Amino acid sequence: MNDDLDYLRAAITEAQAAQAAGEVPVGAVVVRAGRVIGRGQNRVLRDSDPTAHAEVVALREAGQHLGNYRIEDCTLYVTLEPCAMCAGAILHARVARLVYAALDPKAGACGSVLAVMNHPQLNHHVEVYPGLLSEECGALLTGFFRQRRQAQAAARIQQRRETSMTTKKKWSAGVTSDSTHPEEGLFNKSASEIAKALASKKVSPKGPASGMRMLNFYINRAGKNLSKERHSELEKAKDELSDIIASQKKKPAKTASKSVKKKATKKKAAPKKSTKSAPKKSSSKTSSKK
């Protein structure tokens, strides 16, 4: 038992080294006849290798030491319950004993999520001893992921601050134009110029009512940042723009009255045609009688 604690602490040292390198803090050691013949720590980021888990790295080193892919009569110590990949590698290597610390409720393959280790249909079985120094190793992992989340949150906040400083806000008092419609400096001009521009199709293709919405939106966004003189000028522009809108609403009524007059003249013209045709028929009849 004391030897297991010592070797597992050696695995914790490997896990701490992985954390210092920015990797998930998992470490492992392979021991044979009281001697460490393989050490490993997570290297997936540094090696760009999805298989470079601590257990696999330690097994590779032990295999090189023994000159054999069979690592028999050995004990593997690891700070976290092996995943399915590592459990398969342990079985293929014919490891005799497995001692691990913290359970892995998300990917553990020794019973937490999967039961890859010591499946009844497999021809090799490993002596498994879980939970040794589980609190210490669990705290190491929990602290690592907490720091990572905090760093990611701080990076997002910093990115938002940078974008807010570089991105111009539309329709604020310090901005003189909108990126789509009004020309630069429009809202700093006189009331009549603002009203004419907002009523034109170039600025508001949907009509002066759309220009009025632009003007109201700008005034609301600018708010207290506008001076009294500028605010009064914008209010005058609203009045002039309202007059333009009202004048345009009257025009359809005139065109409608013209169409009504045309229809009335057409109806009056119809009886005249019938009166002209009548005498022609009567004259033809008289001529036949003669």
C-alpha atoms as a PDB file:
ATOM      1  CA  MET A   1       0.000   0.000   0.000  1.00  0.00           C
ATOM      2  CA  ASN A   2       2.795   2.423   0.862  1.00  0.00           C
ATOM      3  CA  ASP A   3       4.538   1.597  -2.399  1.00  0.00           C
ATOM      4  CA  ASP A   4       1.306   2.285  -4.284  1.00  0.00           C
ATOM      5  CA  LEU A   5       1.051   5.731  -2.663  1.00  0.00           C
ATOM      6  CA  ASP A   6       4.652   6.558  -3.555  1.00  0.00           C
ATOM      7  CA  TYR A   7       4.275   5.531  -7.195  1.00  0.00           C
ATOM      8  CA  LEU A   8       0.944   7.310  -7.488  1.00  0.00           C
ATOM      9  CA  ARG A   9       2.561  10.471  -6.157  1.00  0.00           C
ATOM     10  CA  ALA A  10       5.163  10.077  -8.905  1.00  0.00           C
ATOM     11  CA  ALA A  11       2.241  10.046 -11.344  1.00  0.00           C
ATOM     12  CA  ILE A  12       0.892  13.222  -9.706  1.00  0.00           C
ATOM     13  CA  THR A  13       4.255  14.878 -10.349  1.00  0.00           C
ATOM     14  CA  GLU A  14       3.833  14.046 -14.048  1.00  0.00           C
ATOM     15  CA  ALA A  15       0.312  15.504 -13.958  1.00  0.00           C
ATOM     16  CA  GLN A  16       1.594  18.755 -12.449  1.00  0.00           C
ATOM     17  CA  ALA A  17       4.204  18.995 -15.192  1.00  0.00           C
ATOM     18  CA  ALA A  18       1.459  18.572 -17.791  1.00  0.00           C
ATOM     19  CA  GLN A  19      -0.555  21.366 -16.180  1.00  0.00           C
ATOM     20  CA  ALA A  20       2.478  23.669 -16.257  1.00  0.00           C
ATOM     21  CA  ALA A  21       2.655  23.036 -20.008  1.00  0.00           C
ATOM     22  CA  GLY A  22      -1.017  23.906 -20.508  1.00  0.00           C
ATOM     23  CA  GLU A  23      -2.232  20.313 -20.802  1.00  0.00           C
ATOM     24  CA  VAL A  24      -4.987  18.611 -18.809  1.00  0.00           C
ATOM     25  CA  PRO A  25      -3.193  17.467 -15.612  1.00  0.00           C
ATOM     26  CA  VAL A  26      -3.096  13.686 -15.936  1.00  0.00           C
ATOM     27  CA  GLY A  27       0.052  11.667 -15.232  1.00  0.00           C
ATOM     28  CA  ALA A  28       1.033   8.003 -15.228  1.00  0.00           C
ATOM     29  CA  VAL A  29       3.976   5.729 -14.399  1.00  0.00           C
ATOM     30  CA  VAL A  30       4.665   2.064 -15.175  1.00  0.00           C
ATOM     31  CA  VAL A  31       6.451   0.052 -12.475  1.00  0.00           C
ATOM     32  CA  ARG A  32       8.044  -3.388 -12.752  1.00  0.00           C
ATOM     33  CA  ALA A  33       9.845  -5.155  -9.917  1.00  0.00           C
ATOM     34  CA  GLY A  34       9.942  -1.972  -7.842  1.00  0.00           C
ATOM     35  CA  ARG A  35      11.403   0.140 -10.641  1.00  0.00           C
ATOM     36  CA  VAL A  36       9.776   2.841 -12.779  1.00  0.00           C
ATOM     37  CA  ILE A  37      10.279   1.851 -16.413  1.00  0.00           C
ATOM     38  CA  GLY A  38       7.836   4.288 -18.022  1.00  0.00           C
ATOM     39  CA  ARG A  39       6.563   7.799 -17.337  1.00  0.00           C
ATOM     40  CA  GLY A  40       3.841   9.710 -19.115  1.00  0.00           C
ATOM     41  CA  GLN A  41       1.792  12.862 -19.015  1.00  0.00           C
ATOM     42  CA  ASN A  42      -0.834  14.333 -21.297  1.00  0.00           C
ATOM     43  CA  ARG A  43       0.827  15.565 -24.498  1.00  0.00           C
ATOM     44  CA  VAL A  44      -2.102  15.860 -26.911  1.00  0.00           C
ATOM     45  CA  LEU A  45      -1.615  19.613 -27.427  1.00  0.00           C
ATOM     46  CA  ARG A  46       2.157  19.667 -27.550  1.00  0.00           C
ATOM     47  CA  ASP A  47       2.434  16.677 -29.897  1.00  0.00           C
ATOM     48  CA  SER A  48      -0.792  17.363 -31.870  1.00  0.00           C
ATOM     49  CA  ASP A  49      -1.577  13.725 -31.154  1.00  0.00           C
ATOM     50  CA  PRO A  50      -5.069  12.637 -30.003  1.00  0.00           C
ATOM     51  CA  THR A  51      -3.614   9.341 -28.708  1.00  0.00           C
ATOM     52  CA  ALA A  52      -0.968  10.995 -26.504  1.00  0.00           C
ATOM     53  CA  HIS A  53      -2.781  10.401 -23.216  1.00  0.00           C
ATOM     54  CA  ALA A  54      -0.645   9.941 -20.117  1.00  0.00           C
ATOM     55  CA  GLU A  55      -1.265   6.162 -19.965  1.00  0.00           C
ATOM     56  CA  VAL A  56      -0.358   5.614 -23.634  1.00  0.00           C
ATOM     57  CA  VAL A  57       2.798   7.737 -23.337  1.00  0.00           C
ATOM     58  CA  ALA A  58       3.890   5.758 -20.257  1.00  0.00           C
ATOM     59  CA  LEU A  59       3.157   2.416 -21.963  1.00  0.00           C
ATOM     60  CA  ARG A  60       5.172   3.430 -25.027  1.00  0.00           C
ATOM     61  CA  GLU A  61       8.183   4.280 -22.886  1.00  0.00           C
ATOM     62  CA  ALA A  62       7.851   1.015 -20.954  1.00  0.00           C
ATOM     63  CA  GLY A  63       7.627  -0.937 -24.213  1.00  0.00           C
ATOM     64  CA  GLN A  64      10.802   0.737 -25.480  1.00  0.00           C
ATOM     65  CA  HIS A  65      12.526  -0.121 -22.196  1.00  0.00           C
ATOM     66  CA  LEU A  66      11.507  -3.781 -22.385  1.00  0.00           C
ATOM     67  CA  GLY A  67      11.869  -4.056 -26.129  1.00  0.00           C
ATOM     68  CA  ASN A  68       8.466  -5.675 -26.306  1.00  0.00           C
ATOM     69  CA  TYR A  69       4.904  -4.560 -26.896  1.00  0.00           C
ATOM     70  CA  ARG A  70       3.821  -6.934 -24.125  1.00  0.00           C
ATOM     71  CA  ILE A  71       4.348  -5.179 -20.796  1.00  0.00           C
ATOM     72  CA  GLU A  72       3.694  -8.138 -18.518  1.00  0.00           C
ATOM     73  CA  ASP A  73       4.149  -8.292 -14.748  1.00  0.00           C
ATOM     74  CA  CYS A  74       3.856  -4.489 -14.539  1.00  0.00           C
ATOM     75  CA  THR A  75       1.640  -2.062 -12.614  1.00  0.00           C
ATOM     76  CA  LEU A  76       0.291   1.127 -14.183  1.00  0.00           C
ATOM     77  CA  TYR A  77      -0.357   4.065 -11.849  1.00  0.00           C
ATOM     78  CA  VAL A  78      -2.490   6.916 -13.236  1.00  0.00           C
ATOM     79  CA  THR A  79      -4.133   9.950 -11.660  1.00  0.00           C
ATOM     80  CA  LEU A  80      -7.439   9.594 -13.555  1.00  0.00           C
ATOM     81  CA  GLU A  81      -9.616   6.653 -14.551  1.00  0.00           C
ATOM     82  CA  PRO A  82      -8.540   5.553 -18.059  1.00  0.00           C
ATOM     83  CA  CYS A  83     -10.764   6.245 -21.052  1.00  0.00           C
ATOM     84  CA  ALA A  84     -11.851   3.574 -23.559  1.00  0.00           C
ATOM     85  CA  MET A  85      -8.749   4.086 -25.716  1.00  0.00           C
ATOM     86  CA  CYS A  86      -6.347   3.800 -22.788  1.00  0.00           C
ATOM     87  CA  ALA A  87      -8.232   0.859 -21.287  1.00  0.00           C
ATOM     88  CA  GLY A  88      -7.867  -0.974 -24.598  1.00  0.00           C
ATOM     89  CA  ALA A  89      -4.147  -0.203 -24.703  1.00  0.00           C
ATOM     90  CA  ILE A  90      -3.710  -1.510 -21.132  1.00  0.00           C
ATOM     91  CA  LEU A  91      -5.426  -4.774 -22.056  1.00  0.00           C
ATOM     92  CA  HIS A  92      -3.409  -5.239 -25.247  1.00  0.00           C
ATOM     93  CA  ALA A  93      -0.175  -4.571 -23.326  1.00  0.00           C
ATOM     94  CA  ARG A  94      -1.083  -7.303 -20.818  1.00  0.00           C
ATOM     95  CA  VAL A  95      -0.572  -5.028 -17.806  1.00  0.00           C
ATOM     96  CA  ALA A  96      -1.065  -6.998 -14.577  1.00  0.00           C
ATOM     97  CA  ARG A  97      -2.313  -4.270 -12.206  1.00  0.00           C
ATOM     98  CA  LEU A  98      -3.977  -0.854 -12.593  1.00  0.00           C
ATOM     99  CA  VAL A  99      -4.064   1.694  -9.772  1.00  0.00           C
ATOM    100  CA  TYR A 100      -5.891   4.959 -10.498  1.00  0.00           C
ATOM    101  CA  ALA A 101      -6.994   7.872  -8.360  1.00  0.00           C
ATOM    102  CA  ALA A 102      -9.935  10.032  -9.466  1.00  0.00           C
ATOM    103  CA  LEU A 103     -13.029   8.668 -11.167  1.00  0.00           C
ATOM    104  CA  ASP A 104     -13.942  10.088 -14.569  1.00  0.00           C
ATOM    105  CA  PRO A 105     -17.745  10.497 -14.707  1.00  0.00           C
ATOM    106  CA  LYS A 106     -17.614  11.696 -18.334  1.00  0.00           C
ATOM    107  CA  ALA A 107     -15.319   9.207 -20.080  1.00  0.00           C
ATOM    108  CA  GLY A 108     -14.176   6.607 -17.548  1.00  0.00           C
ATOM    109  CA  ALA A 109     -13.974   3.119 -19.061  1.00  0.00           C
ATOM    110  CA  CYS A 110     -13.394   1.162 -15.847  1.00  0.00           C
ATOM    111  CA  GLY A 111     -17.007   1.314 -14.747  1.00  0.00           C
ATOM    112  CA  SER A 112     -17.896   5.011 -14.452  1.00  0.00           C
ATOM    113  CA  VAL A 113     -19.266   5.333 -18.010  1.00  0.00           C
ATOM    114  CA  LEU A 114     -18.096   2.206 -19.832  1.00  0.00           C
ATOM    115  CA  ALA A 115     -16.931  -1.232 -18.662  1.00  0.00           C
ATOM    116  CA  VAL A 116     -14.147  -1.856 -21.156  1.00  0.00           C
ATOM    117  CA  MET A 117     -11.707  -3.052 -18.534  1.00  0.00           C
ATOM    118  CA  ASN A 118     -12.143  -6.717 -17.557  1.00  0.00           C
ATOM    119  CA  HIS A 119     -15.012  -7.400 -19.898  1.00  0.00           C
ATOM    120  CA  PRO A 120     -16.111 -11.037 -19.420  1.00  0.00           C
ATOM    121  CA  GLN A 121     -15.507 -11.892 -23.091  1.00  0.00           C
ATOM    122  CA  LEU A 122     -11.890 -10.662 -23.082  1.00  0.00           C
ATOM    123  CA  ASN A 123      -9.038 -13.143 -22.623  1.00  0.00           C
ATOM    124  CA  HIS A 124      -6.982 -10.899 -20.332  1.00  0.00           C
ATOM    125  CA  HIS A 125      -7.985  -9.430 -17.000  1.00  0.00           C
ATOM    126  CA  VAL A 126      -6.319  -6.719 -14.954  1.00  0.00           C
ATOM    127  CA  GLU A 127      -6.354  -6.245 -11.192  1.00  0.00           C
ATOM    128  CA  VAL A 128      -7.956  -2.835 -10.708  1.00  0.00           C
ATOM    129  CA  TYR A 129      -7.563  -0.666  -7.581  1.00  0.00           C
ATOM    130  CA  PRO A 130      -9.515   2.615  -7.864  1.00  0.00           C
ATOM    131  CA  GLY A 131      -9.843   5.662  -5.616  1.00  0.00           C
ATOM    132  CA  LEU A 132      -6.336   5.960  -4.160  1.00  0.00           C
ATOM    133  CA  LEU A 133      -5.557   9.671  -3.550  1.00  0.00           C
ATOM    134  CA  SER A 134      -8.773  10.478  -5.420  1.00  0.00           C
ATOM    135  CA  GLU A 135      -9.452  13.753  -3.565  1.00  0.00           C
ATOM    136  CA  GLU A 136      -6.001  15.164  -4.265  1.00  0.00           C
ATOM    137  CA  CYS A 137      -6.071  14.246  -7.944  1.00  0.00           C
ATOM    138  CA  GLY A 138      -9.693  15.354  -8.322  1.00  0.00           C
ATOM    139  CA  ALA A 139      -8.860  18.752  -6.830  1.00  0.00           C
ATOM    140  CA  LEU A 140      -5.971  19.097  -9.292  1.00  0.00           C
ATOM    141  CA  LEU A 141      -8.297  18.550 -12.240  1.00  0.00           C
ATOM    142  CA  THR A 142     -11.096  20.725 -10.842  1.00  0.00           C
ATOM    143  CA  GLY A 143      -8.727  23.636 -10.239  1.00  0.00           C
ATOM    144  CA  PHE A 144      -7.287  23.331 -13.734  1.00  0.00           C
ATOM    145  CA  PHE A 145     -10.668  23.479 -15.476  1.00  0.00           C
ATOM    146  CA  ARG A 146     -11.832  26.340 -13.231  1.00  0.00           C
ATOM    147  CA  GLN A 147      -8.800  28.405 -14.202  1.00  0.00           C
ATOM    148  CA  ARG A 148      -9.365  27.578 -17.883  1.00  0.00           C
ATOM    149  CA  ARG A 149     -13.002  28.750 -17.725  1.00  0.00           C
ATOM    150  CA  GLN A 150     -11.985  31.953 -15.977  1.00  0.00           C
ATOM    151  CA  ALA A 151      -9.298  32.634 -18.582  1.00  0.00           C
ATOM    152  CA  GLN A 152     -11.758  32.029 -21.424  1.00  0.00           C
ATOM    153  CA  ALA A 153     -14.324  34.333 -19.822  1.00  0.00           C
ATOM    154  CA  ALA A 154     -11.714  37.067 -19.342  1.00  0.00           C
ATOM    155  CA  ALA A 155     -10.653  36.718 -22.992  1.00  0.00           C
ATOM    156  CA  ARG A 156     -14.271  37.097 -24.165  1.00  0.00           C
ATOM    157  CA  ILE A 157     -14.759  40.207 -22.021  1.00  0.00           C
ATOM    158  CA  GLN A 158     -11.553  41.743 -23.358  1.00  0.00           C
ATOM    159  CA  GLN A 159     -12.603  40.999 -26.937  1.00  0.00           C
ATOM    160  CA  ARG A 160     -15.964  42.694 -26.387  1.00  0.00           C
ATOM    161  CA  ARG A 161     -14.246  45.767 -24.969  1.00  0.00           C
ATOM    162  CA  GLU A 162     -11.897  45.988 -27.930  1.00  0.00           C
ATOM    163  CA  THR A 163     -14.700  45.640 -30.464  1.00  0.00           C
ATOM    164  CA  SER A 164     -16.831  48.233 -28.661  1.00  0.00           C
ATOM    165  CA  MET A 165     -13.929  50.694 -28.746  1.00  0.00           C
ATOM    166  CA  THR A 166     -13.238  50.207 -32.454  1.00  0.00           C
ATOM    167  CA  THR A 167     -16.809  49.871 -33.774  1.00  0.00           C
ATOM    168  CA  LYS A 168     -18.722  53.090 -34.445  1.00  0.00           C
ATOM    169  CA  LYS A 169     -22.262  53.230 -33.138  1.00  0.00           C
ATOM    170  CA  LYS A 170     -24.906  54.289 -35.613  1.00  0.00           C
ATOM    171  CA  TRP A 171     -27.024  57.335 -34.876  1.00  0.00           C
ATOM    172  CA  SER A 172     -25.092  58.462 -31.790  1.00  0.00           C
ATOM    173  CA  ALA A 173     -24.470  62.162 -31.187  1.00  0.00           C
ATOM    174  CA  GLY A 174     -20.840  61.808 -32.179  1.00  0.00           C
ATOM    175  CA  VAL A 175     -21.646  60.135 -35.491  1.00  0.00           C
ATOM    176  CA  THR A 176     -22.755  62.382 -38.330  1.00  0.00           C
ATOM    177  CA  SER A 177     -23.920  59.727 -40.753  1.00  0.00           C
ATOM    178  CA  ASP A 178     -25.541  56.355 -41.014  1.00  0.00           C
ATOM    179  CA  SER A 179     -23.691  53.660 -42.906  1.00  0.00           C
ATOM    180  CA  THR A 180     -26.601  53.105 -45.294  1.00  0.00           C
ATOM    181  CA  HIS A 181     -28.661  56.241 -45.934  1.00  0.00           C
ATOM    182  CA  PRO A 182     -27.837  59.840 -44.897  1.00  0.00           C
ATOM    183  CA  GLU A 183     -24.753  61.535 -46.268  1.00  0.00           C
ATOM    184  CA  GLU A 184     -21.970  62.592 -43.966  1.00  0.00           C
ATOM    185  CA  GLY A 185     -22.802  65.601 -41.813  1.00  0.00           C
ATOM    186  CA  LEU A 186     -26.495  65.647 -42.746  1.00  0.00           C
ATOM    187  CA  PHE A 187     -27.780  66.126 -39.196  1.00  0.00           C
ATOM    188  CA  ASN A 188     -25.469  69.088 -38.678  1.00  0.00           C
ATOM    189  CA  LYS A 189     -27.093  71.024 -41.550  1.00  0.00           C
ATOM    190  CA  SER A 190     -30.050  73.394 -41.494  1.00  0.00           C
ATOM    191  CA  ALA A 191     -33.596  72.207 -40.929  1.00  0.00           C
ATOM    192  CA  SER A 192     -34.678  72.721 -44.547  1.00  0.00           C
ATOM    193  CA  GLU A 193     -31.665  70.821 -45.921  1.00  0.00           C
ATOM    194  CA  ILE A 194     -32.269  67.924 -43.539  1.00  0.00           C
ATOM    195  CA  ALA A 195     -35.963  67.751 -44.444  1.00  0.00           C
ATOM    196  CA  LYS A 196     -35.316  67.825 -48.207  1.00  0.00           C
ATOM    197  CA  ALA A 197     -32.621  65.168 -47.963  1.00  0.00           C
ATOM    198  CA  LEU A 198     -34.742  62.830 -45.834  1.00  0.00           C
ATOM    199  CA  ALA A 199     -37.677  63.262 -48.203  1.00  0.00           C
ATOM    200  CA  SER A 200     -35.620  62.375 -51.283  1.00  0.00           C
ATOM    201  CA  LYS A 201     -35.562  58.892 -52.760  1.00  0.00           C
ATOM    202  CA  LYS A 202     -31.766  58.891 -52.630  1.00  0.00           C
ATOM    203  CA  VAL A 203     -31.810  58.931 -48.825  1.00  0.00           C
ATOM    204  CA  SER A 204     -35.129  57.186 -48.114  1.00  0.00           C
ATOM    205  CA  PRO A 205     -36.324  55.138 -51.089  1.00  0.00           C
ATOM    206  CA  LYS A 206     -39.503  54.220 -49.198  1.00  0.00           C
ATOM    207  CA  GLY A 207     -40.576  57.851 -48.970  1.00  0.00           C
ATOM    208  CA  PRO A 208     -40.402  60.778 -46.529  1.00  0.00           C
ATOM    209  CA  ALA A 209     -42.159  58.774 -43.821  1.00  0.00           C
ATOM    210  CA  SER A 210     -39.096  56.551 -43.706  1.00  0.00           C
ATOM    211  CA  GLY A 211     -36.936  59.678 -43.451  1.00  0.00           C
ATOM    212  CA  MET A 212     -39.031  60.824 -40.493  1.00  0.00           C
ATOM    213  CA  ARG A 213     -38.327  57.543 -38.731  1.00  0.00           C
ATOM    214  CA  MET A 214     -34.600  58.056 -39.325  1.00  0.00           C
ATOM    215  CA  LEU A 215     -34.766  61.532 -37.857  1.00  0.00           C
ATOM    216  CA  ASN A 216     -36.739  60.438 -34.788  1.00  0.00           C
ATOM    217  CA  PHE A 217     -34.389  57.533 -34.231  1.00  0.00           C
ATOM    218  CA  TYR A 218     -31.373  59.827 -34.398  1.00  0.00           C
ATOM    219  CA  ILE A 219     -32.887  62.318 -31.947  1.00  0.00           C
ATOM    220  CA  ASN A 220     -33.778  59.554 -29.472  1.00  0.00           C
ATOM    221  CA  ARG A 221     -30.340  57.990 -29.646  1.00  0.00           C
ATOM    222  CA  ALA A 222     -28.507  61.293 -29.366  1.00  0.00           C
ATOM    223  CA  GLY A 223     -30.646  62.389 -26.416  1.00  0.00           C
ATOM    224  CA  LYS A 224     -28.929  64.716 -23.950  1.00  0.00           C
ATOM    225  CA  ASN A 225     -25.755  64.830 -26.016  1.00  0.00           C
ATOM    226  CA  LEU A 226     -27.424  67.242 -28.444  1.00  0.00           C
ATOM    227  CA  SER A 227     -27.122  70.943 -27.788  1.00  0.00           C
ATOM    228  CA  LYS A 228     -30.299  73.041 -27.434  1.00  0.00           C
ATOM    229  CA  GLU A 229     -29.627  74.805 -30.743  1.00  0.00           C
ATOM    230  CA  ARG A 230     -29.100  71.567 -32.615  1.00  0.00           C
ATOM    231  CA  HIS A 231     -32.161  69.982 -30.984  1.00  0.00           C
ATOM    232  CA  SER A 232     -34.368  72.894 -31.967  1.00  0.00           C
ATOM    233  CA  GLU A 233     -33.042  72.742 -35.536  1.00  0.00           C
ATOM    234  CA  LEU A 234     -33.879  69.073 -35.735  1.00  0.00           C
ATOM    235  CA  GLU A 235     -37.379  69.777 -34.438  1.00  0.00           C
ATOM    236  CA  LYS A 236     -37.822  72.347 -37.216  1.00  0.00           C
ATOM    237  CA  ALA A 237     -36.681  69.703 -39.681  1.00  0.00           C
ATOM    238  CA  LYS A 238     -39.380  67.408 -38.317  1.00  0.00           C
ATOM    239  CA  ASP A 239     -42.029  70.095 -38.896  1.00  0.00           C
ATOM    240  CA  GLU A 240     -40.891  70.712 -42.465  1.00  0.00           C
ATOM    241  CA  LEU A 241     -40.731  66.992 -43.147  1.00  0.00           C
ATOM    242  CA  SER A 242     -44.273  66.634 -41.769  1.00  0.00           C
ATOM    243  CA  ASP A 243     -45.446  69.309 -44.223  1.00  0.00           C
ATOM    244  CA  ILE A 244     -43.823  67.419 -47.095  1.00  0.00           C
ATOM    245  CA  ILE A 245     -45.521  64.194 -46.022  1.00  0.00           C
ATOM    246  CA  ALA A 246     -48.884  65.971 -45.753  1.00  0.00           C
ATOM    247  CA  SER A 247     -48.530  67.548 -49.194  1.00  0.00           C
ATOM    248  CA  GLN A 248     -47.714  64.202 -50.758  1.00  0.00           C
ATOM    249  CA  LYS A 249     -50.778  62.626 -49.189  1.00  0.00           C
ATOM    250  CA  LYS A 250     -53.026  65.218 -50.911  1.00  0.00           C
ATOM    251  CA  LYS A 251     -51.743  64.381 -54.414  1.00  0.00           C
ATOM    252  CA  PRO A 252     -53.390  60.952 -54.688  1.00  0.00           C
ATOM    253  CA  ALA A 253     -56.779  62.588 -53.947  1.00  0.00           C
ATOM    254  CA  LYS A 254     -56.428  64.887 -57.022  1.00  0.00           C
ATOM    255  CA  THR A 255     -55.536  62.030 -59.308  1.00  0.00           C
ATOM    256  CA  ALA A 256     -58.494  60.086 -57.988  1.00  0.00           C
ATOM    257  CA  SER A 257     -60.877  62.974 -58.769  1.00  0.00           C
ATOM    258  CA  LYS A 258     -59.481  63.144 -62.319  1.00  0.00           C
ATOM    259  CA  SER A 259     -60.152  59.456 -62.848  1.00  0.00           C
ATOM    260  CA  VAL A 260     -63.703  59.894 -61.590  1.00  0.00           C
ATOM    261  CA  LYS A 261     -64.280  62.748 -64.089  1.00  0.00           C
ATOM    262  CA  LYS A 262     -62.948  60.611 -66.945  1.00  0.00           C
ATOM    263  CA  LYS A 263     -65.314  57.789 -66.044  1.00  0.00           C
ATOM    264  CA  ALA A 264     -68.238  60.238 -65.896  1.00  0.00           C
ATOM    265  CA  THR A 265     -67.460  61.654 -69.358  1.00  0.00           C
ATOM    266  CA  LYS A 266     -67.294  58.144 -70.787  1.00  0.00           C
ATOM    267  CA  LYS A 267     -70.733  57.349 -69.389  1.00  0.00           C
ATOM    268  CA  LYS A 268     -72.211  60.561 -70.868  1.00  0.00           C
ATOM    269  CA  ALA A 269     -70.704  59.854 -74.276  1.00  0.00           C
ATOM    270  CA  ALA A 270     -72.440  56.492 -74.567  1.00  0.00           C
ATOM    271  CA  PRO A 271     -76.051  57.780 -75.144  1.00  0.00           C
ATOM    272  CA  LYS A 272     -74.880  60.115 -77.954  1.00  0.00           C
ATOM    273  CA  LYS A 273     -73.693  57.143 -79.991  1.00  0.00           C
ATOM    274  CA  SER A 274     -77.089  55.458 -79.722  1.00  0.00           C
ATOM    275  CA  THR A 275     -78.969  58.577 -80.923  1.00  0.00           C
ATOM    276  CA  LYS A 276     -76.759  58.894 -83.991  1.00  0.00           C
ATOM    277  CA  SER A 277     -77.301  55.300 -85.049  1.00  0.00           C
ATOM    278  CA  ALA A 278     -81.096  55.498 -84.817  1.00  0.00           C
ATOM    279  CA  PRO A 279     -81.659  57.944 -87.738  1.00  0.00           C
ATOM    280  CA  LYS A 280     -79.470  55.846 -90.028  1.00  0.00           C
ATOM    281  CA  LYS A 281     -81.741  52.850 -89.574  1.00  0.00           C
ATOM    282  CA  SER A 282     -84.899  54.842 -90.264  1.00  0.00           C
ATOM    283  CA  SER A 283     -83.485  56.379 -93.474  1.00  0.00           C
ATOM    284  CA  SER A 284     -82.606  52.984 -94.813  1.00  0.00           C
ATOM    285  CA  LYS A 285     -86.157  51.752 -94.272  1.00  0.00           C
ATOM    286  CA  THR A 286     -87.728  54.707 -96.097  1.00  0.00           C
ATOM    287  CA  SER A 287     -85.425  54.277 -99.072  1.00  0.00           C
ATOM    288  CA  SER A 288     -86.493  50.648 -99.430  1.00  0.00           C
ATOM    289  CA  LYS A 289     -90.146  51.611 -99.445  1.00  0.00           C
ATOM    290  CA  LYS A 290     -89.605  54.001-102.288  1.00  0.00           C
END
